[in-house]
Amino acid sequence: MSSADVDEYVKTRVIPEHQDIVRVLRELMAECAPEADETIIYGSPAWKGNKPLAIISPSKTHITFAFERGAEFEDAHGLLAGVGKKTRHVKIKKLDSMDRDALRDYIAQAVKLDGE
């Protein structure tokens, strides 16, 4: 799978109102995790280093941006949700409500954990 597959996924499976959110998430991942491979994992756009780093799951009301090892993160921003043993996520409903600095921090933590 490649970025072209992700392009097609976004075009066909993400509602138009949320496509800009996904575009910004892709930009943040390219900026903060340039070595990660953008691909399709579990049927959704994702980024993989040694292991999966993050995945996007679209719905009709929001975009879920999940981190495979998010339960290990320090959540100084208080945005992470979830109760499982591994994954934590951020739900994004509107582009203007995205906390890009918090997302950069979470992505950096994902990359650091992946390198350990």
N, C-alpha and C. Protein backbone atom coordinates (compact mmCIF):
# COMPACT_ATOMS: atom_id res chain seq x y z
N MET A 1 0.85 -1.18 0.00
CA MET A 1 0.00 0.00 0.00
C MET A 1 0.89 1.24 0.00
N SER A 2 0.35 2.31 -0.55
CA SER A 2 1.14 3.53 -0.67
C SER A 2 0.28 4.75 -0.38
N SER A 3 0.93 5.89 -0.45
CA SER A 3 0.18 7.14 -0.27
C SER A 3 -0.92 7.30 -1.31
N ALA A 4 -0.72 6.73 -2.49
CA ALA A 4 -1.77 6.79 -3.52
C ALA A 4 -3.01 6.04 -3.02
N ASP A 5 -2.80 4.93 -2.30
CA ASP A 5 -3.93 4.20 -1.72
C ASP A 5 -4.63 5.06 -0.67
N VAL A 6 -3.85 5.78 0.11
CA VAL A 6 -4.44 6.67 1.12
C VAL A 6 -5.19 7.80 0.45
N ASP A 7 -4.62 8.36 -0.61
CA ASP A 7 -5.32 9.41 -1.37
C ASP A 7 -6.69 8.92 -1.82
N GLU A 8 -6.73 7.72 -2.39
CA GLU A 8 -7.98 7.15 -2.88
C GLU A 8 -8.95 6.90 -1.72
N TYR A 9 -8.45 6.41 -0.61
CA TYR A 9 -9.29 6.17 0.57
C TYR A 9 -9.94 7.48 1.01
N VAL A 10 -9.15 8.52 1.14
CA VAL A 10 -9.67 9.81 1.61
C VAL A 10 -10.73 10.33 0.63
N LYS A 11 -10.45 10.21 -0.64
CA LYS A 11 -11.37 10.71 -1.66
C LYS A 11 -12.70 9.96 -1.64
N THR A 12 -12.66 8.67 -1.37
CA THR A 12 -13.87 7.85 -1.50
C THR A 12 -14.55 7.49 -0.17
N ARG A 13 -13.81 7.58 0.96
CA ARG A 13 -14.38 7.08 2.21
C ARG A 13 -14.47 8.12 3.33
N VAL A 14 -13.90 9.29 3.10
CA VAL A 14 -13.98 10.36 4.12
C VAL A 14 -14.93 11.42 3.59
N ILE A 15 -15.92 11.81 4.41
CA ILE A 15 -16.87 12.80 3.94
C ILE A 15 -16.15 14.12 3.66
N PRO A 16 -16.64 14.88 2.69
CA PRO A 16 -15.95 16.12 2.30
C PRO A 16 -15.68 17.07 3.47
N GLU A 17 -16.58 17.14 4.44
CA GLU A 17 -16.40 18.05 5.57
C GLU A 17 -15.19 17.68 6.43
N HIS A 18 -14.73 16.44 6.34
CA HIS A 18 -13.61 15.99 7.17
C HIS A 18 -12.31 15.79 6.39
N GLN A 19 -12.36 15.99 5.08
CA GLN A 19 -11.15 15.76 4.28
C GLN A 19 -10.02 16.73 4.63
N ASP A 20 -10.34 17.97 4.99
CA ASP A 20 -9.29 18.91 5.40
C ASP A 20 -8.64 18.49 6.72
N ILE A 21 -9.41 17.89 7.61
CA ILE A 21 -8.84 17.39 8.86
C ILE A 21 -7.81 16.31 8.55
N VAL A 22 -8.18 15.39 7.67
CA VAL A 22 -7.27 14.31 7.30
C VAL A 22 -6.03 14.88 6.59
N ARG A 23 -6.23 15.88 5.75
CA ARG A 23 -5.10 16.50 5.07
C ARG A 23 -4.11 17.07 6.08
N VAL A 24 -4.60 17.76 7.10
CA VAL A 24 -3.72 18.35 8.12
C VAL A 24 -3.05 17.24 8.93
N LEU A 25 -3.76 16.19 9.27
CA LEU A 25 -3.14 15.08 10.00
C LEU A 25 -2.02 14.45 9.18
N ARG A 26 -2.24 14.31 7.88
CA ARG A 26 -1.20 13.76 7.01
C ARG A 26 0.01 14.70 6.97
N GLU A 27 -0.24 16.00 6.93
CA GLU A 27 0.85 16.97 6.94
C GLU A 27 1.64 16.90 8.25
N LEU A 28 0.92 16.79 9.38
CA LEU A 28 1.59 16.70 10.68
C LEU A 28 2.42 15.43 10.77
N MET A 29 1.91 14.33 10.28
CA MET A 29 2.67 13.09 10.31
C MET A 29 3.91 13.20 9.41
N ALA A 30 3.79 13.80 8.25
CA ALA A 30 4.94 13.98 7.36
C ALA A 30 5.99 14.87 8.02
N GLU A 31 5.54 15.88 8.74
CA GLU A 31 6.45 16.80 9.43
C GLU A 31 7.13 16.14 10.63
N CYS A 32 6.36 15.43 11.44
CA CYS A 32 6.86 14.93 12.73
C CYS A 32 7.35 13.49 12.68
N ALA A 33 6.96 12.75 11.68
CA ALA A 33 7.38 11.35 11.55
C ALA A 33 7.73 11.07 10.09
N PRO A 34 8.72 11.81 9.56
CA PRO A 34 9.02 11.70 8.12
C PRO A 34 9.48 10.32 7.68
N GLU A 35 10.00 9.52 8.59
CA GLU A 35 10.47 8.18 8.24
C GLU A 35 9.35 7.15 8.22
N ALA A 36 8.19 7.49 8.76
CA ALA A 36 7.07 6.55 8.82
C ALA A 36 6.48 6.33 7.44
N ASP A 37 6.06 5.11 7.20
CA ASP A 37 5.39 4.77 5.94
C ASP A 37 3.90 5.04 6.07
N GLU A 38 3.37 5.81 5.13
CA GLU A 38 1.93 6.03 5.08
C GLU A 38 1.32 4.86 4.31
N THR A 39 0.33 4.21 4.91
CA THR A 39 -0.20 2.99 4.33
C THR A 39 -1.65 2.78 4.78
N ILE A 40 -2.21 1.65 4.43
CA ILE A 40 -3.52 1.25 4.91
C ILE A 40 -3.31 0.05 5.85
N ILE A 41 -3.75 0.19 7.10
CA ILE A 41 -3.68 -0.89 8.08
C ILE A 41 -5.08 -1.03 8.69
N TYR A 42 -5.51 -2.25 8.89
CA TYR A 42 -6.84 -2.50 9.46
C TYR A 42 -7.93 -1.80 8.64
N GLY A 43 -7.67 -1.58 7.35
CA GLY A 43 -8.65 -0.96 6.48
C GLY A 43 -8.74 0.55 6.58
N SER A 44 -7.78 1.19 7.26
CA SER A 44 -7.79 2.65 7.43
C SER A 44 -6.41 3.23 7.19
N PRO A 45 -6.34 4.52 6.86
CA PRO A 45 -5.04 5.17 6.69
C PRO A 45 -4.24 5.11 8.00
N ALA A 46 -2.95 4.82 7.86
CA ALA A 46 -2.11 4.67 9.04
C ALA A 46 -0.67 5.00 8.69
N TRP A 47 0.15 5.11 9.74
CA TRP A 47 1.58 5.32 9.59
C TRP A 47 2.30 4.25 10.37
N LYS A 48 3.32 3.70 9.75
CA LYS A 48 4.04 2.59 10.35
C LYS A 48 5.53 2.91 10.37
N GLY A 49 6.12 2.71 11.54
CA GLY A 49 7.57 2.75 11.68
C GLY A 49 8.00 1.30 11.80
N ASN A 50 8.63 0.94 12.93
CA ASN A 50 8.90 -0.48 13.20
C ASN A 50 7.59 -1.21 13.42
N LYS A 51 6.66 -0.54 14.03
CA LYS A 51 5.29 -1.03 14.27
C LYS A 51 4.33 0.11 13.94
N PRO A 52 3.02 -0.14 13.93
CA PRO A 52 2.08 0.96 13.67
C PRO A 52 2.23 2.09 14.70
N LEU A 53 2.23 3.32 14.19
CA LEU A 53 2.33 4.51 15.04
C LEU A 53 0.97 5.12 15.30
N ALA A 54 0.24 5.37 14.22
CA ALA A 54 -1.04 6.08 14.31
C ALA A 54 -1.94 5.62 13.19
N ILE A 55 -3.25 5.77 13.43
CA ILE A 55 -4.24 5.37 12.44
C ILE A 55 -5.40 6.36 12.47
N ILE A 56 -5.99 6.59 11.32
CA ILE A 56 -7.14 7.48 11.19
C ILE A 56 -8.38 6.63 10.94
N SER A 57 -9.44 6.89 11.70
CA SER A 57 -10.72 6.23 11.47
C SER A 57 -11.79 7.30 11.28
N PRO A 58 -12.37 7.36 10.09
CA PRO A 58 -13.41 8.36 9.85
C PRO A 58 -14.78 7.88 10.29
N SER A 59 -15.61 8.83 10.68
CA SER A 59 -17.03 8.54 10.93
C SER A 59 -17.81 9.71 10.33
N LYS A 60 -19.10 9.69 10.48
CA LYS A 60 -19.92 10.78 9.94
C LYS A 60 -19.82 12.04 10.78
N THR A 61 -19.41 11.91 12.05
CA THR A 61 -19.39 13.08 12.95
C THR A 61 -17.99 13.58 13.30
N HIS A 62 -16.96 12.75 13.07
CA HIS A 62 -15.61 13.15 13.46
C HIS A 62 -14.56 12.24 12.82
N ILE A 63 -13.31 12.62 13.02
CA ILE A 63 -12.17 11.78 12.65
C ILE A 63 -11.52 11.33 13.95
N THR A 64 -11.29 10.04 14.08
CA THR A 64 -10.54 9.53 15.23
C THR A 64 -9.10 9.34 14.79
N PHE A 65 -8.19 9.96 15.54
CA PHE A 65 -6.75 9.84 15.29
C PHE A 65 -6.19 9.05 16.47
N ALA A 66 -5.87 7.78 16.24
CA ALA A 66 -5.49 6.88 17.32
C ALA A 66 -4.00 6.55 17.28
N PHE A 67 -3.44 6.38 18.46
CA PHE A 67 -2.03 6.05 18.61
C PHE A 67 -1.92 4.65 19.19
N GLU A 68 -1.23 3.78 18.48
CA GLU A 68 -1.11 2.37 18.85
C GLU A 68 -0.59 2.18 20.27
N ARG A 69 0.36 3.01 20.71
CA ARG A 69 0.92 2.88 22.05
C ARG A 69 0.56 4.09 22.92
N GLY A 70 -0.57 4.68 22.65
CA GLY A 70 -0.99 5.90 23.33
C GLY A 70 -1.15 5.77 24.83
N ALA A 71 -1.41 4.56 25.33
CA ALA A 71 -1.55 4.37 26.77
C ALA A 71 -0.23 4.63 27.50
N GLU A 72 0.87 4.61 26.74
CA GLU A 72 2.19 4.85 27.33
C GLU A 72 2.58 6.34 27.28
N PHE A 73 1.77 7.16 26.63
CA PHE A 73 2.08 8.58 26.47
C PHE A 73 1.92 9.33 27.78
N GLU A 74 2.68 10.42 27.89
CA GLU A 74 2.41 11.43 28.90
C GLU A 74 1.39 12.36 28.27
N ASP A 75 0.23 12.51 28.88
CA ASP A 75 -0.83 13.32 28.27
C ASP A 75 -0.93 14.69 28.93
N ALA A 76 0.07 15.52 28.69
CA ALA A 76 0.10 16.86 29.26
C ALA A 76 -1.03 17.75 28.73
N HIS A 77 -1.62 17.38 27.61
CA HIS A 77 -2.66 18.20 26.97
C HIS A 77 -4.07 17.76 27.36
N GLY A 78 -4.21 16.58 27.94
CA GLY A 78 -5.50 16.10 28.38
C GLY A 78 -6.48 15.78 27.26
N LEU A 79 -5.98 15.47 26.08
CA LEU A 79 -6.86 15.21 24.94
C LEU A 79 -7.08 13.74 24.64
N LEU A 80 -6.23 12.87 25.16
CA LEU A 80 -6.31 11.45 24.83
C LEU A 80 -7.48 10.79 25.53
N ALA A 81 -8.19 9.96 24.77
CA ALA A 81 -9.32 9.20 25.31
C ALA A 81 -9.07 7.73 25.05
N GLY A 82 -9.79 6.90 25.79
CA GLY A 82 -9.67 5.46 25.61
C GLY A 82 -9.27 4.80 26.92
N VAL A 83 -9.64 3.53 27.06
CA VAL A 83 -9.39 2.83 28.31
C VAL A 83 -8.69 1.49 28.10
N GLY A 84 -8.36 1.15 26.87
CA GLY A 84 -7.71 -0.12 26.61
C GLY A 84 -6.29 -0.16 27.13
N LYS A 85 -5.66 -1.30 26.99
CA LYS A 85 -4.29 -1.47 27.49
C LYS A 85 -3.26 -0.76 26.64
N LYS A 86 -3.55 -0.49 25.35
CA LYS A 86 -2.54 0.06 24.47
C LYS A 86 -2.91 1.39 23.80
N THR A 87 -4.03 1.40 23.14
CA THR A 87 -4.37 2.51 22.25
C THR A 87 -5.06 3.66 22.98
N ARG A 88 -4.74 4.88 22.54
CA ARG A 88 -5.46 6.08 22.95
C ARG A 88 -5.75 6.88 21.68
N HIS A 89 -6.77 7.72 21.75
CA HIS A 89 -7.17 8.46 20.55
C HIS A 89 -7.62 9.87 20.89
N VAL A 90 -7.68 10.67 19.82
CA VAL A 90 -8.21 12.03 19.87
C VAL A 90 -9.32 12.08 18.83
N LYS A 91 -10.49 12.58 19.22
CA LYS A 91 -11.58 12.77 18.26
C LYS A 91 -11.55 14.22 17.79
N ILE A 92 -11.56 14.39 16.48
CA ILE A 92 -11.49 15.74 15.89
C ILE A 92 -12.76 15.96 15.06
N LYS A 93 -13.53 16.97 15.45
CA LYS A 93 -14.80 17.25 14.76
C LYS A 93 -14.68 18.38 13.75
N LYS A 94 -13.81 19.34 14.05
CA LYS A 94 -13.67 20.50 13.16
C LYS A 94 -12.20 20.86 13.03
N LEU A 95 -11.84 21.30 11.84
CA LEU A 95 -10.46 21.67 11.57
C LEU A 95 -9.97 22.75 12.52
N ASP A 96 -10.81 23.75 12.79
CA ASP A 96 -10.37 24.87 13.63
C ASP A 96 -10.27 24.51 15.11
N SER A 97 -10.72 23.31 15.48
CA SER A 97 -10.60 22.90 16.88
C SER A 97 -9.38 22.00 17.11
N MET A 98 -8.62 21.72 16.06
CA MET A 98 -7.45 20.85 16.20
C MET A 98 -6.35 21.57 16.99
N ASP A 99 -5.81 20.89 17.98
CA ASP A 99 -4.67 21.41 18.72
C ASP A 99 -3.41 20.82 18.09
N ARG A 100 -2.89 21.53 17.10
CA ARG A 100 -1.75 21.02 16.34
C ARG A 100 -0.52 20.78 17.20
N ASP A 101 -0.29 21.65 18.19
CA ASP A 101 0.87 21.46 19.07
C ASP A 101 0.73 20.19 19.89
N ALA A 102 -0.46 19.93 20.40
CA ALA A 102 -0.68 18.70 21.16
C ALA A 102 -0.48 17.48 20.26
N LEU A 103 -1.01 17.54 19.04
CA LEU A 103 -0.86 16.42 18.11
C LEU A 103 0.61 16.20 17.75
N ARG A 104 1.36 17.29 17.58
CA ARG A 104 2.81 17.14 17.33
C ARG A 104 3.48 16.43 18.49
N ASP A 105 3.10 16.78 19.71
CA ASP A 105 3.67 16.13 20.89
C ASP A 105 3.33 14.65 20.91
N TYR A 106 2.08 14.30 20.66
CA TYR A 106 1.69 12.90 20.65
C TYR A 106 2.43 12.12 19.56
N ILE A 107 2.54 12.71 18.38
CA ILE A 107 3.26 12.05 17.29
C ILE A 107 4.72 11.83 17.67
N ALA A 108 5.35 12.85 18.27
CA ALA A 108 6.74 12.72 18.71
C ALA A 108 6.89 11.60 19.73
N GLN A 109 5.94 11.48 20.64
CA GLN A 109 5.99 10.39 21.62
C GLN A 109 5.84 9.04 20.95
N ALA A 110 4.97 8.95 19.95
CA ALA A 110 4.78 7.70 19.22
C ALA A 110 6.07 7.29 18.51
N VAL A 111 6.73 8.26 17.88
CA VAL A 111 7.99 7.99 17.18
C VAL A 111 9.06 7.55 18.17
N LYS A 112 9.15 8.22 19.29
CA LYS A 112 10.16 7.87 20.30
C LYS A 112 9.94 6.45 20.82
N LEU A 113 8.71 6.12 21.16
CA LEU A 113 8.41 4.76 21.65
C LEU A 113 8.70 3.70 20.57
N ASP A 114 8.43 4.04 19.32
CA ASP A 114 8.67 3.10 18.23
C ASP A 114 10.17 2.81 18.06
N GLY A 115 10.99 3.79 18.40
CA GLY A 115 12.43 3.62 18.26
C GLY A 115 13.08 2.88 19.41
N GLU A 116 12.35 2.67 20.48
CA GLU A 116 12.92 2.00 21.67
C GLU A 116 12.88 0.49 21.54
